[in-house]
Structure formats: structure tokens, C-alpha cells
Amino acid sequence: MTSTVGSLPLTRQSLLDGRLADLIARSLPGMRVLTDTERLASLRAALAGRREHGDGIWLFAYGSLLWNPTVHVTARRAAEVVGWHRAFCLGTKIGRGTHDNPGLVLGLRDGGSCQGAVLRVAEDGLEHELDLLWRREMLVAGGYVPRWLEVRDPDGMPFGHALAFTIGPDCHSYEGDLSDAAVVQRLATAAGELGSSADYLFSTWDGLRGLGVSDPHLERLVTQVKAALAARQRAEAG
């Protein structure tokens, strides 16, 4: 199966008009997409578990939400969660890869800690904004697991709870522990309708650096993937 790289921009409009859902249904016919009723029930169940009430909620961003949240954000700040870490453990045959060359995206796995950002979504229009996120992250049955996680500031002081999209071994696209060599190979070669897996990595790294956040493992991957891309360009140049 072929795809046109970058042919589907991930925007508010492409989420609202169902183009992402159509892409999944067309490209992965065996994958069950949630109905509108199921999606709304999932969203409201997550909201029912919120820990604080007031002028909005925090979202924990550790991957593409750092640089393309698609929802309206009123504030952002660096934050950390403990007991979870980011990892390239989710395979994708659409979006950032193809059936012939699956890509990789990040998931939030249990264990360790993760530095990222929290994004504030206002109370006014909250359900509408979160529905955009559910259309993006929770379209497929057996995907991410939304959880309310305690968040800490850069000094380690807790300041509330944030909604985070975590994964577990039952996630439909979970690929377990991949070697660094396998991760680099897939990030350096895979691309799909949303763009390349390499650009996903680079954009996430740039988003973290913009917050003053350091992730040594991600930095090593950036260096290795850039080297792999340069080597391929040299080989293609002959």
C-alpha cells in the first residue's frame, strides 16, 4: 500500500470533518473505529474522574501535543510526571508509516519519569475541545488509555493533575521493547500521510528544547537518526 507523504494535515478542521477517521477506516479495514456515541461516553467518563474543578484542566504533553496540540490552549508550562516515561513503542501503518514500512510514534509507558509540558484548556468549551482530542487520540478501540496523573514543576513540587494519554500492553499498536537500532531504522525510513517518523521525532525534540527540557535518550535518537538520514542521502547520491 502506498501513501502520499504529508497529504493529510493534522488540524482542527481535518479532525472535525472526519478525514482522519476516514483514513483509518480506509487503510485499516480490520480496525474498529469508535462510534460517535462511544467516543463521547469515553470522553465523559474521563472527565468524571478529574481531580480539580475550576477554570479548566491541564493536558500532559510528551509527544506531538507539544508542537501541534490542535486544541485551544490558554497557558503552557514545563512539567513532569513520575511513574511514567515516553518511549517509541507504538507502531503505525498509516500517518507516519505504511503497511510495507511501519513507522513509530511515542507512547507514555509505566515506570520511570517523563518531562514534558502541561497545556491549559479553558472550562468554557471544554467538552468541545476535548472532543477534538478524542477524535485524534481515541478514535480506535483499544488505543490510548486516558489517565489523570499528578504533575510536578521543574523543582519537583506537585501543582495538580493533568489528563494524559497513556498506553499499556493491550494497546492495539503496542510493540513492546524495541532495540535502539530498530527504533532508529524505522524513524529514519518510515513516512505516511501525516509526514515522516523522523520529522515527528525532530519536532518533539524541538518542542522540548523550547521549554528548556532535556531528554538524553531522545537527544541520542535525534543524533542517530540524522546520521542515518545523511548516510542514506550520500548513498543515493552515489
Protein backbone atom coordinates (compact mmCIF):
# COMPACT_ATOMS: atom_id res chain seq x y z
CA MET A 1 0.00 0.00 0.00
CA THR A 2 1.36 3.42 -0.92
CA SER A 3 0.72 6.82 0.59
CA THR A 4 1.40 10.42 -0.25
CA VAL A 5 3.72 11.83 2.37
CA GLY A 6 2.21 14.74 4.26
CA SER A 7 -1.05 14.64 2.28
CA LEU A 8 -3.25 14.94 5.40
CA PRO A 9 -2.51 17.91 7.69
CA LEU A 10 -3.47 17.19 11.30
CA THR A 11 -5.61 20.26 12.04
CA ARG A 12 -8.81 21.13 13.84
CA GLN A 13 -10.65 21.02 10.51
CA SER A 14 -9.31 17.61 9.45
CA LEU A 15 -10.43 16.23 12.81
CA LEU A 16 -13.87 17.82 12.70
CA ASP A 17 -14.65 16.82 9.13
CA GLY A 18 -13.70 13.18 9.79
CA ARG A 19 -10.79 12.90 7.38
CA LEU A 20 -8.58 11.16 9.95
CA ALA A 21 -11.34 8.68 10.79
CA ASP A 22 -11.90 8.05 7.07
CA LEU A 23 -8.17 7.44 6.58
CA ILE A 24 -8.11 4.85 9.38
CA ALA A 25 -11.22 3.10 8.10
CA ARG A 26 -9.89 3.03 4.54
CA SER A 27 -6.33 1.98 5.35
CA LEU A 28 -7.02 -0.39 8.26
CA PRO A 29 -10.33 -2.05 7.45
CA GLY A 30 -9.95 -4.56 10.30
CA MET A 31 -9.56 -1.83 12.91
CA ARG A 32 -12.70 -0.83 14.82
CA VAL A 33 -13.27 2.92 14.98
CA LEU A 34 -15.40 4.13 17.89
CA THR A 35 -18.85 5.41 17.09
CA ASP A 36 -19.74 9.00 17.99
CA THR A 37 -21.73 7.68 20.97
CA GLU A 38 -18.84 5.52 22.21
CA ARG A 39 -16.35 8.35 21.79
CA LEU A 40 -18.49 10.79 23.74
CA ALA A 41 -19.07 8.24 26.51
CA SER A 42 -15.32 7.68 26.81
CA LEU A 43 -14.68 11.43 26.99
CA ARG A 44 -17.30 11.98 29.68
CA ALA A 45 -16.03 9.03 31.70
CA ALA A 46 -12.57 10.61 31.69
CA LEU A 47 -13.96 14.00 32.74
CA ALA A 48 -15.86 12.35 35.59
CA GLY A 49 -12.52 11.33 37.08
CA ARG A 50 -10.95 14.79 37.12
CA ARG A 51 -9.32 15.72 40.41
CA GLU A 52 -9.68 19.51 40.38
CA HIS A 53 -12.52 21.74 39.25
CA GLY A 54 -12.29 25.39 38.36
CA ASP A 55 -11.25 27.36 35.31
CA GLY A 56 -10.18 24.44 33.14
CA ILE A 57 -7.90 21.41 33.03
CA TRP A 58 -4.29 20.58 32.31
CA LEU A 59 -3.26 18.23 29.50
CA PHE A 60 0.12 16.50 29.78
CA ALA A 61 2.04 16.78 26.51
CA TYR A 62 5.01 14.47 25.88
CA GLY A 63 4.94 13.98 22.09
CA SER A 64 3.06 15.63 19.25
CA LEU A 65 0.83 17.63 21.62
CA LEU A 66 3.97 19.65 22.42
CA TRP A 67 4.12 21.11 18.92
CA ASN A 68 0.67 20.51 17.44
CA PRO A 69 -1.98 20.43 20.18
CA THR A 70 -4.87 21.21 17.75
CA VAL A 71 -6.94 22.40 20.75
CA HIS A 72 -7.12 25.98 22.03
CA VAL A 73 -4.58 26.42 24.82
CA THR A 74 -4.61 29.31 27.29
CA ALA A 75 -1.30 28.54 29.04
CA ARG A 76 1.58 26.11 28.99
CA ARG A 77 4.42 25.30 31.34
CA ALA A 78 7.13 22.68 31.79
CA ALA A 79 6.03 19.76 33.93
CA GLU A 80 6.99 16.24 34.94
CA VAL A 81 5.10 13.07 35.77
CA VAL A 82 6.57 10.32 37.91
CA GLY A 83 5.83 6.65 37.31
CA TRP A 84 5.63 7.02 33.52
CA HIS A 85 8.10 7.55 30.70
CA ARG A 86 7.91 8.34 26.99
CA ALA A 87 9.02 5.63 24.52
CA PHE A 88 8.83 4.94 20.81
CA CYS A 89 6.75 1.82 21.32
CA LEU A 90 3.69 2.39 19.11
CA GLY A 91 3.80 1.17 15.54
CA THR A 92 1.84 2.97 12.85
CA LYS A 93 0.97 1.68 9.39
CA ILE A 94 -0.72 4.96 8.49
CA GLY A 95 0.05 8.55 9.40
CA ARG A 96 3.81 8.23 9.98
CA GLY A 97 4.36 4.96 8.13
CA THR A 98 2.85 2.44 5.72
CA HIS A 99 1.89 -1.23 5.74
CA ASP A 100 5.18 -2.03 3.99
CA ASN A 101 7.27 0.17 6.27
CA PRO A 102 5.52 0.91 9.59
CA GLY A 103 6.60 4.00 11.46
CA LEU A 104 6.83 4.70 15.17
CA VAL A 105 5.29 7.27 17.48
CA LEU A 106 5.55 7.90 21.20
CA GLY A 107 3.53 6.39 23.99
CA LEU A 108 3.58 7.06 27.73
CA ARG A 109 4.60 3.80 29.40
CA ASP A 110 4.61 2.92 33.07
CA GLY A 111 7.85 3.23 35.02
CA GLY A 112 10.44 5.98 35.42
CA SER A 113 9.54 9.62 34.86
CA CYS A 114 8.81 11.96 31.97
CA GLN A 115 9.47 15.64 31.46
CA GLY A 116 7.20 17.49 29.09
CA ALA A 117 4.62 20.26 29.31
CA VAL A 118 1.13 20.84 30.59
CA LEU A 119 -1.34 22.71 28.40
CA ARG A 120 -4.26 24.58 29.92
CA VAL A 121 -7.67 24.15 28.28
CA ALA A 122 -10.34 26.58 29.49
CA GLU A 123 -13.55 25.43 31.16
CA ASP A 124 -15.64 27.32 28.62
CA GLY A 125 -15.99 24.97 25.65
CA LEU A 126 -14.01 22.22 27.41
CA GLU A 127 -16.04 19.29 26.11
CA HIS A 128 -15.82 20.55 22.53
CA GLU A 129 -12.03 20.95 22.77
CA LEU A 130 -11.60 17.54 24.33
CA ASP A 131 -13.78 16.00 21.62
CA LEU A 132 -11.15 17.18 19.14
CA LEU A 133 -8.52 15.31 21.17
CA TRP A 134 -10.70 12.21 21.34
CA ARG A 135 -11.13 12.34 17.55
CA ARG A 136 -7.34 12.40 17.33
CA GLU A 137 -6.14 10.08 20.10
CA MET A 138 -9.13 7.89 20.95
CA LEU A 139 -10.70 7.07 17.58
CA VAL A 140 -9.70 3.42 17.63
CA ALA A 141 -10.94 0.87 20.14
CA GLY A 142 -8.09 -0.43 22.28
CA GLY A 143 -5.91 2.64 21.80
CA TYR A 144 -4.63 5.07 24.39
CA VAL A 145 -5.83 4.98 27.99
CA PRO A 146 -6.65 8.47 29.36
CA ARG A 147 -5.50 8.93 32.96
CA TRP A 148 -5.28 11.77 35.46
CA LEU A 149 -1.66 11.99 36.57
CA GLU A 150 -0.09 14.17 39.24
CA VAL A 151 2.17 16.78 37.64
CA ARG A 152 5.19 18.49 39.18
CA ASP A 153 7.04 21.68 38.35
CA PRO A 154 10.77 21.67 37.42
CA ASP A 155 11.63 21.89 41.14
CA GLY A 156 9.69 18.70 41.83
CA MET A 157 6.73 20.36 43.55
CA PRO A 158 3.27 18.93 42.73
CA PHE A 159 0.78 21.52 41.46
CA GLY A 160 -2.20 19.48 40.30
CA HIS A 161 -3.31 16.71 37.97
CA ALA A 162 -3.28 16.54 34.19
CA LEU A 163 -5.06 14.39 31.67
CA ALA A 164 -2.53 12.18 29.88
CA PHE A 165 -2.85 9.63 27.10
CA THR A 166 -1.02 6.52 28.32
CA ILE A 167 -0.57 3.09 26.80
CA GLY A 168 -0.34 -0.46 28.01
CA PRO A 169 0.47 -3.91 26.62
CA ASP A 170 -3.14 -4.31 25.42
CA CYS A 171 -2.89 -1.27 23.12
CA HIS A 172 -3.57 -2.37 19.55
CA SER A 173 -0.36 -0.83 18.18
CA TYR A 174 1.94 -1.52 21.15
CA GLU A 175 5.22 -3.10 20.07
CA GLY A 176 6.95 -3.67 23.42
CA ASP A 177 10.66 -3.08 23.92
CA LEU A 178 12.40 -2.29 20.65
CA SER A 179 16.17 -2.02 20.37
CA ASP A 180 17.64 1.42 19.70
CA ALA A 181 18.85 0.13 16.32
CA ALA A 182 15.31 -0.92 15.35
CA VAL A 183 13.87 2.40 16.52
CA VAL A 184 16.46 4.41 14.57
CA GLN A 185 15.91 2.36 11.40
CA ARG A 186 12.15 2.88 11.47
CA LEU A 187 12.31 6.55 12.41
CA ALA A 188 14.81 7.20 9.62
CA THR A 189 12.87 5.43 6.85
CA ALA A 190 9.11 5.47 7.55
CA ALA A 191 6.68 8.12 6.31
CA GLY A 192 2.96 8.40 5.66
CA GLU A 193 0.02 10.75 5.19
CA LEU A 194 0.90 12.85 8.26
CA GLY A 195 4.60 13.10 7.38
CA SER A 196 7.72 11.19 8.31
CA SER A 197 8.54 9.46 11.59
CA ALA A 198 11.83 11.38 11.57
CA ASP A 199 10.03 14.73 11.47
CA TYR A 200 7.82 13.56 14.36
CA LEU A 201 10.99 12.89 16.38
CA PHE A 202 12.64 16.19 15.42
CA SER A 203 9.52 18.24 16.15
CA THR A 204 9.14 16.63 19.56
CA TRP A 205 12.77 17.33 20.36
CA ASP A 206 12.42 20.95 19.26
CA GLY A 207 9.27 21.28 21.41
CA LEU A 208 11.11 20.04 24.47
CA ARG A 209 14.10 22.30 23.85
CA GLY A 210 11.76 25.27 23.55
CA LEU A 211 10.62 24.52 27.10
CA GLY A 212 14.17 24.13 28.36
CA VAL A 213 13.55 20.40 28.89
CA SER A 214 16.33 17.86 28.41
CA ASP A 215 15.78 14.23 27.41
CA PRO A 216 19.14 12.48 26.86
CA HIS A 217 17.58 9.38 25.26
CA LEU A 218 15.63 11.46 22.75
CA GLU A 219 18.74 13.50 22.04
CA ARG A 220 20.68 10.32 21.21
CA LEU A 221 17.91 9.23 18.87
CA VAL A 222 17.97 12.61 17.11
CA THR A 223 21.73 12.31 16.57
CA GLN A 224 21.48 8.73 15.31
CA VAL A 225 18.52 9.36 13.02
CA LYS A 226 20.17 12.43 11.50
CA ALA A 227 23.30 10.33 10.86
CA ALA A 228 21.20 7.59 9.24
CA LEU A 229 19.44 10.11 7.00
CA ALA A 230 22.75 11.68 5.97
CA ALA A 231 24.22 8.25 5.18
CA ARG A 232 21.23 7.38 3.01
CA GLN A 233 21.49 10.68 1.14
CA ARG A 234 25.19 10.02 0.47
CA ALA A 235 24.40 6.52 -0.78
CA GLU A 236 21.63 7.78 -3.07
CA ALA A 237 23.96 10.47 -4.42
CA GLY A 238 26.34 7.70 -5.47
